[in-house]
C-alpha atoms as a PDB file:
ATOM      1  CA  UNK A   1     100.191   7.006 -68.737  1.00  0.00           C
ATOM      2  CA  UNK A   2      98.576   3.802 -67.764  1.00  0.00           C
ATOM      3  CA  UNK A   3      99.153   3.078 -63.776  1.00  0.00           C
ATOM      4  CA  UNK A   4     101.549  -0.660 -63.314  1.00  0.00           C
ATOM      5  CA  UNK A   5      99.472  -3.523 -63.947  1.00  0.00           C
ATOM      6  CA  UNK A   6      99.380  -4.759 -60.395  1.00  0.00           C
ATOM      7  CA  UNK A   7      98.488  -1.377 -59.667  1.00  0.00           C
ATOM      8  CA  UNK A   8      95.496  -2.169 -58.228  1.00  0.00           C
ATOM      9  CA  UNK A   9      96.117  -5.256 -56.353  1.00  0.00           C
ATOM     10  CA  UNK A  10      96.588  -5.418 -52.830  1.00  0.00           C
ATOM     11  CA  UNK A  11      97.682  -8.766 -50.885  1.00  0.00           C
ATOM     12  CA  UNK A  12      95.109 -10.550 -48.820  1.00  0.00           C
ATOM     13  CA  UNK A  13      95.970 -13.435 -46.879  1.00  0.00           C
ATOM     14  CA  UNK A  14      93.765 -16.272 -46.365  1.00  0.00           C
ATOM     15  CA  UNK A  15      93.581 -19.311 -44.371  1.00  0.00           C
ATOM     16  CA  UNK A  16      91.326 -21.898 -42.865  1.00  0.00           C
ATOM     17  CA  UNK A  17      90.077 -22.776 -39.662  1.00  0.00           C
ATOM     18  CA  UNK A  18      90.545 -25.634 -37.788  1.00  0.00           C
ATOM     19  CA  UNK A  19      87.267 -24.593 -36.227  1.00  0.00           C
ATOM     20  CA  UNK A  20      86.416 -25.118 -32.540  1.00  0.00           C
ATOM     21  CA  UNK A  21      84.542 -28.104 -32.307  1.00  0.00           C
ATOM     22  CA  UNK A  22      88.646 -30.598 -32.000  1.00  0.00           C
ATOM     23  CA  UNK A  23      89.416 -27.892 -29.362  1.00  0.00           C
ATOM     24  CA  UNK A  24      88.835 -30.122 -26.435  1.00  0.00           C
ATOM     25  CA  UNK A  25      87.909 -27.496 -23.552  1.00  0.00           C
ATOM     26  CA  UNK A  26      85.231 -26.907 -26.507  1.00  0.00           C
ATOM     27  CA  UNK A  27      83.756 -29.734 -26.755  1.00  0.00           C
ATOM     28  CA  UNK A  28      82.635 -30.544 -23.618  1.00  0.00           C
ATOM     29  CA  UNK A  29      81.068 -28.550 -23.335  1.00  0.00           C
ATOM     30  CA  UNK A  30      79.015 -28.496 -25.982  1.00  0.00           C
ATOM     31  CA  UNK A  31      79.125 -32.471 -24.501  1.00  0.00           C
ATOM     32  CA  UNK A  32      77.275 -31.427 -21.500  1.00  0.00           C
ATOM     33  CA  UNK A  33      75.039 -28.520 -23.797  1.00  0.00           C
ATOM     34  CA  UNK A  34      73.287 -31.742 -25.103  1.00  0.00           C
ATOM     35  CA  UNK A  35      71.070 -33.415 -25.135  1.00  0.00           C
ATOM     36  CA  UNK A  36      69.363 -31.232 -22.014  1.00  0.00           C
ATOM     37  CA  UNK A  37      69.570 -27.947 -23.807  1.00  0.00           C
ATOM     38  CA  UNK A  38      66.835 -27.210 -26.754  1.00  0.00           C
ATOM     39  CA  UNK A  39      68.327 -24.326 -28.253  1.00  0.00           C
ATOM     40  CA  UNK A  40      69.807 -25.554 -31.776  1.00  0.00           C
ATOM     41  CA  UNK A  41      73.300 -25.882 -32.332  1.00  0.00           C
ATOM     42  CA  UNK A  42      75.509 -24.183 -34.335  1.00  0.00           C
ATOM     43  CA  UNK A  43      78.187 -25.269 -36.899  1.00  0.00           C
ATOM     44  CA  UNK A  44      80.962 -25.557 -34.737  1.00  0.00           C
ATOM     45  CA  UNK A  45      78.737 -27.050 -32.067  1.00  0.00           C
ATOM     46  CA  UNK A  46      76.732 -29.541 -34.592  1.00  0.00           C
ATOM     47  CA  UNK A  47      80.431 -30.448 -36.107  1.00  0.00           C
ATOM     48  CA  UNK A  48      81.136 -31.518 -31.996  1.00  0.00           C
ATOM     49  CA  UNK A  49      77.946 -33.715 -31.785  1.00  0.00           C
ATOM     50  CA  UNK A  50      78.645 -35.266 -35.448  1.00  0.00           C
ATOM     51  CA  UNK A  51      82.530 -36.505 -33.763  1.00  0.00           C
ATOM     52  CA  UNK A  52      80.603 -38.047 -31.166  1.00  0.00           C
ATOM     53  CA  UNK A  53      78.066 -40.177 -33.193  1.00  0.00           C
ATOM     54  CA  UNK A  54      74.902 -37.601 -33.547  1.00  0.00           C
ATOM     55  CA  UNK A  55      73.506 -38.703 -36.450  1.00  0.00           C
ATOM     56  CA  UNK A  56      70.620 -36.027 -36.761  1.00  0.00           C
ATOM     57  CA  UNK A  57      70.130 -32.792 -35.091  1.00  0.00           C
ATOM     58  CA  UNK A  58      66.329 -30.930 -34.601  1.00  0.00           C
ATOM     59  CA  UNK A  59      67.238 -27.585 -35.280  1.00  0.00           C
ATOM     60  CA  UNK A  60      63.078 -27.102 -36.281  1.00  0.00           C
ATOM     61  CA  UNK A  61      61.604 -24.078 -34.381  1.00  0.00           C
ATOM     62  CA  UNK A  62      59.643 -25.394 -30.907  1.00  0.00           C
ATOM     63  CA  UNK A  63      56.272 -24.359 -32.337  1.00  0.00           C
ATOM     64  CA  UNK A  64      57.009 -26.577 -35.522  1.00  0.00           C
ATOM     65  CA  UNK A  65      58.180 -29.577 -33.206  1.00  0.00           C
ATOM     66  CA  UNK A  66      55.302 -29.649 -31.442  1.00  0.00           C
ATOM     67  CA  UNK A  67      52.755 -29.429 -34.000  1.00  0.00           C
ATOM     68  CA  UNK A  68      55.039 -31.280 -37.191  1.00  0.00           C
ATOM     69  CA  UNK A  69      56.406 -34.313 -33.632  1.00  0.00           C
ATOM     70  CA  UNK A  70      59.936 -35.401 -33.162  1.00  0.00           C
ATOM     71  CA  UNK A  71      62.210 -36.573 -35.757  1.00  0.00           C
ATOM     72  CA  UNK A  72      61.853 -40.327 -35.926  1.00  0.00           C
ATOM     73  CA  UNK A  73      65.044 -41.811 -36.819  1.00  0.00           C
ATOM     74  CA  UNK A  74      63.245 -44.851 -37.708  1.00  0.00           C
END
């Protein structure tokens, strides 16, 4: 006997994250952290920085920055 057509289907609930970048507390903490931090920004931090006027984020390793130099924006 053959199983019903929908027997192997599993109900899955999906949704999209609005992210942390629109949370004012998170945004404030990120803006305090940069540009004094030399840690790379994660995707949520990058979005906050982008929304607040940053146009370039240098996420290279310190050794690469030392070897190649800083990014010129002009």
